[in-house]
Amino acid sequence: MREYNEEELENFLKKIDSYLEKPAEIIIVGGTAAILAYHISDATQDIDTWNNIDAVKEAYEKAKKETGYDIPLSRTIVADPPYQFEDRLKLYSPKKFKKLKVKVPEVIDLILQK
């Protein structure tokens, strides 16, 4: 399976944002959060979210077709975040997106999830 780097992931999220008809929020966890928010020089095969992705599903499918990136995007079933981690989420690059709000765990919470 292909791996995607920081630039590719960010461009893919921008493309999802461009197809959204109304505001939506996703909470990205795992490797993608580490790559995007903390610039870990790595690559990942997928985008794991903590929350439901129904609000972005249609835009996601359109972004896949346009970019040719077959990046799986789904709610994770294996993360075990620290207590009340959602209270400490950080907004990822608010100026990069018009309708998509992307949140990521703060660095200690992200480390503890692994």
C-alpha atoms as a PDB file:
ATOM      1  CA  MET A   1       0.000   0.000   0.000  1.00  0.00           C
ATOM      2  CA  ARG A   2       1.286   3.476  -0.896  1.00  0.00           C
ATOM      3  CA  GLU A   3       2.452   5.879   1.806  1.00  0.00           C
ATOM      4  CA  TYR A   4       1.751   9.625   1.805  1.00  0.00           C
ATOM      5  CA  ASN A   5       3.984  12.398   3.114  1.00  0.00           C
ATOM      6  CA  GLU A   6       3.134  15.705   4.807  1.00  0.00           C
ATOM      7  CA  GLU A   7       2.704  17.690   1.594  1.00  0.00           C
ATOM      8  CA  GLU A   8       0.470  15.056   0.007  1.00  0.00           C
ATOM      9  CA  LEU A   9      -1.677  14.735   3.134  1.00  0.00           C
ATOM     10  CA  GLU A  10      -2.116  18.480   3.439  1.00  0.00           C
ATOM     11  CA  ASN A  11      -2.969  18.858  -0.249  1.00  0.00           C
ATOM     12  CA  PHE A  12      -5.501  16.059   0.074  1.00  0.00           C
ATOM     13  CA  LEU A  13      -7.190  17.751   3.040  1.00  0.00           C
ATOM     14  CA  LYS A  14      -7.249  21.041   1.102  1.00  0.00           C
ATOM     15  CA  LYS A  15      -8.984  19.246  -1.739  1.00  0.00           C
ATOM     16  CA  ILE A  16     -11.559  17.783   0.666  1.00  0.00           C
ATOM     17  CA  ASP A  17     -12.102  21.297   2.014  1.00  0.00           C
ATOM     18  CA  SER A  18     -12.684  22.638  -1.498  1.00  0.00           C
ATOM     19  CA  TYR A  19     -15.529  20.165  -2.056  1.00  0.00           C
ATOM     20  CA  LEU A  20     -17.353  20.753   1.228  1.00  0.00           C
ATOM     21  CA  GLU A  21     -20.717  22.440   0.914  1.00  0.00           C
ATOM     22  CA  LYS A  22     -20.932  23.319   4.612  1.00  0.00           C
ATOM     23  CA  PRO A  23     -18.517  23.456   7.566  1.00  0.00           C
ATOM     24  CA  ALA A  24     -17.293  20.134   8.938  1.00  0.00           C
ATOM     25  CA  GLU A  25     -14.870  19.008  11.618  1.00  0.00           C
ATOM     26  CA  ILE A  26     -12.546  16.035  11.841  1.00  0.00           C
ATOM     27  CA  ILE A  27     -10.236  15.038  14.661  1.00  0.00           C
ATOM     28  CA  ILE A  28      -7.141  13.421  13.191  1.00  0.00           C
ATOM     29  CA  VAL A  29      -5.161  11.015  15.374  1.00  0.00           C
ATOM     30  CA  GLY A  30      -2.203   8.699  14.934  1.00  0.00           C
ATOM     31  CA  GLY A  31       0.519   9.013  12.356  1.00  0.00           C
ATOM     32  CA  THR A  32      -1.237  11.613  10.232  1.00  0.00           C
ATOM     33  CA  ALA A  33      -1.613  13.927  13.243  1.00  0.00           C
ATOM     34  CA  ALA A  34       2.083  13.499  14.051  1.00  0.00           C
ATOM     35  CA  ILE A  35       3.105  14.215  10.469  1.00  0.00           C
ATOM     36  CA  LEU A  36       0.880  17.245   9.916  1.00  0.00           C
ATOM     37  CA  ALA A  37       0.882  18.978  13.287  1.00  0.00           C
ATOM     38  CA  TYR A  38       4.345  18.087  14.550  1.00  0.00           C
ATOM     39  CA  HIS A  39       6.208  17.680  11.234  1.00  0.00           C
ATOM     40  CA  ILE A  40       7.425  14.175  11.945  1.00  0.00           C
ATOM     41  CA  SER A  41       9.384  13.250   8.830  1.00  0.00           C
ATOM     42  CA  ASP A  42       7.519  10.094   8.089  1.00  0.00           C
ATOM     43  CA  ALA A  43       4.759   8.849   5.822  1.00  0.00           C
ATOM     44  CA  THR A  44       1.492   7.067   6.465  1.00  0.00           C
ATOM     45  CA  GLN A  45      -0.924   4.900   4.534  1.00  0.00           C
ATOM     46  CA  ASP A  46      -4.137   6.315   5.963  1.00  0.00           C
ATOM     47  CA  ILE A  47      -5.892   9.088   7.858  1.00  0.00           C
ATOM     48  CA  ASP A  48      -7.369   7.955  11.171  1.00  0.00           C
ATOM     49  CA  THR A  49      -9.998  10.102  12.834  1.00  0.00           C
ATOM     50  CA  TRP A  50     -11.437  10.063  16.309  1.00  0.00           C
ATOM     51  CA  ASN A  51     -14.849  11.267  15.194  1.00  0.00           C
ATOM     52  CA  ASN A  52     -17.374  10.198  12.598  1.00  0.00           C
ATOM     53  CA  ILE A  53     -16.518  11.239   9.034  1.00  0.00           C
ATOM     54  CA  ASP A  54     -20.019  11.303   7.528  1.00  0.00           C
ATOM     55  CA  ALA A  55     -19.890  15.105   7.140  1.00  0.00           C
ATOM     56  CA  VAL A  56     -16.864  14.865   4.827  1.00  0.00           C
ATOM     57  CA  LYS A  57     -17.575  11.540   3.078  1.00  0.00           C
ATOM     58  CA  GLU A  58     -18.867  13.004  -0.200  1.00  0.00           C
ATOM     59  CA  ALA A  59     -16.066  15.600  -0.417  1.00  0.00           C
ATOM     60  CA  TYR A  60     -13.551  12.856   0.436  1.00  0.00           C
ATOM     61  CA  GLU A  61     -14.722  10.674  -2.448  1.00  0.00           C
ATOM     62  CA  LYS A  62     -14.479  13.610  -4.881  1.00  0.00           C
ATOM     63  CA  ALA A  63     -10.986  14.471  -3.606  1.00  0.00           C
ATOM     64  CA  LYS A  64      -9.861  10.873  -4.147  1.00  0.00           C
ATOM     65  CA  LYS A  65     -11.041  10.946  -7.746  1.00  0.00           C
ATOM     66  CA  GLU A  66      -9.437  14.300  -8.526  1.00  0.00           C
ATOM     67  CA  THR A  67      -6.079  13.683  -6.846  1.00  0.00           C
ATOM     68  CA  GLY A  68      -5.710   9.984  -7.586  1.00  0.00           C
ATOM     69  CA  TYR A  69      -4.764   9.508  -3.917  1.00  0.00           C
ATOM     70  CA  ASP A  70      -6.451   6.422  -2.531  1.00  0.00           C
ATOM     71  CA  ILE A  71      -5.877   7.418   1.090  1.00  0.00           C
ATOM     72  CA  PRO A  72      -8.178   5.502   3.436  1.00  0.00           C
ATOM     73  CA  LEU A  73     -10.029   7.905   5.762  1.00  0.00           C
ATOM     74  CA  SER A  74     -11.941   6.348   8.636  1.00  0.00           C
ATOM     75  CA  ARG A  75     -12.745   6.502  12.301  1.00  0.00           C
ATOM     76  CA  THR A  76     -10.172   4.521  14.230  1.00  0.00           C
ATOM     77  CA  ILE A  77     -11.192   1.647  16.444  1.00  0.00           C
ATOM     78  CA  VAL A  78      -7.821   1.083  18.107  1.00  0.00           C
ATOM     79  CA  ALA A  79      -6.848   4.432  19.680  1.00  0.00           C
ATOM     80  CA  ASP A  80      -6.806   4.645  23.469  1.00  0.00           C
ATOM     81  CA  PRO A  81      -6.467   8.355  24.233  1.00  0.00           C
ATOM     82  CA  PRO A  82      -5.877   9.835  27.696  1.00  0.00           C
ATOM     83  CA  TYR A  83      -8.771  11.013  29.840  1.00  0.00           C
ATOM     84  CA  GLN A  84     -10.472  14.144  28.475  1.00  0.00           C
ATOM     85  CA  PHE A  85      -7.958  14.542  25.643  1.00  0.00           C
ATOM     86  CA  GLU A  86     -10.675  16.259  23.613  1.00  0.00           C
ATOM     87  CA  ASP A  87     -10.419  19.242  25.991  1.00  0.00           C
ATOM     88  CA  ARG A  88      -6.810  19.730  24.859  1.00  0.00           C
ATOM     89  CA  LEU A  89      -7.201  19.373  21.087  1.00  0.00           C
ATOM     90  CA  LYS A  90      -5.344  21.861  18.902  1.00  0.00           C
ATOM     91  CA  LEU A  91      -6.674  23.439  15.741  1.00  0.00           C
ATOM     92  CA  TYR A  92      -4.492  22.443  12.800  1.00  0.00           C
ATOM     93  CA  SER A  93      -3.702  25.312  10.418  1.00  0.00           C
ATOM     94  CA  PRO A  94      -6.975  27.252  10.553  1.00  0.00           C
ATOM     95  CA  LYS A  95      -6.009  29.538   7.648  1.00  0.00           C
ATOM     96  CA  LYS A  96      -5.428  26.684   5.231  1.00  0.00           C
ATOM     97  CA  PHE A  97      -9.050  25.583   5.086  1.00  0.00           C
ATOM     98  CA  LYS A  98     -12.292  27.452   4.446  1.00  0.00           C
ATOM     99  CA  LYS A  99     -14.889  24.963   5.684  1.00  0.00           C
ATOM    100  CA  LEU A 100     -12.906  22.058   7.100  1.00  0.00           C
ATOM    101  CA  LYS A 101     -11.907  22.318  10.743  1.00  0.00           C
ATOM    102  CA  VAL A 102      -9.092  19.879  11.497  1.00  0.00           C
ATOM    103  CA  LYS A 103      -8.157  19.218  15.105  1.00  0.00           C
ATOM    104  CA  VAL A 104      -5.272  17.134  16.438  1.00  0.00           C
ATOM    105  CA  PRO A 105      -4.278  15.933  19.908  1.00  0.00           C
ATOM    106  CA  GLU A 106      -1.685  17.968  21.756  1.00  0.00           C
ATOM    107  CA  VAL A 107       1.706  16.266  21.564  1.00  0.00           C
ATOM    108  CA  ILE A 108       1.665  14.420  24.934  1.00  0.00           C
ATOM    109  CA  ASP A 109      -1.829  13.075  24.303  1.00  0.00           C
ATOM    110  CA  LEU A 110      -0.755  11.918  20.848  1.00  0.00           C
ATOM    111  CA  ILE A 111       2.252  10.084  22.275  1.00  0.00           C
ATOM    112  CA  LEU A 112       0.100   8.436  24.952  1.00  0.00           C
ATOM    113  CA  GLN A 113      -2.317   7.142  22.312  1.00  0.00           C
ATOM    114  CA  LYS A 114       0.327   4.966  20.710  1.00  0.00           C
END
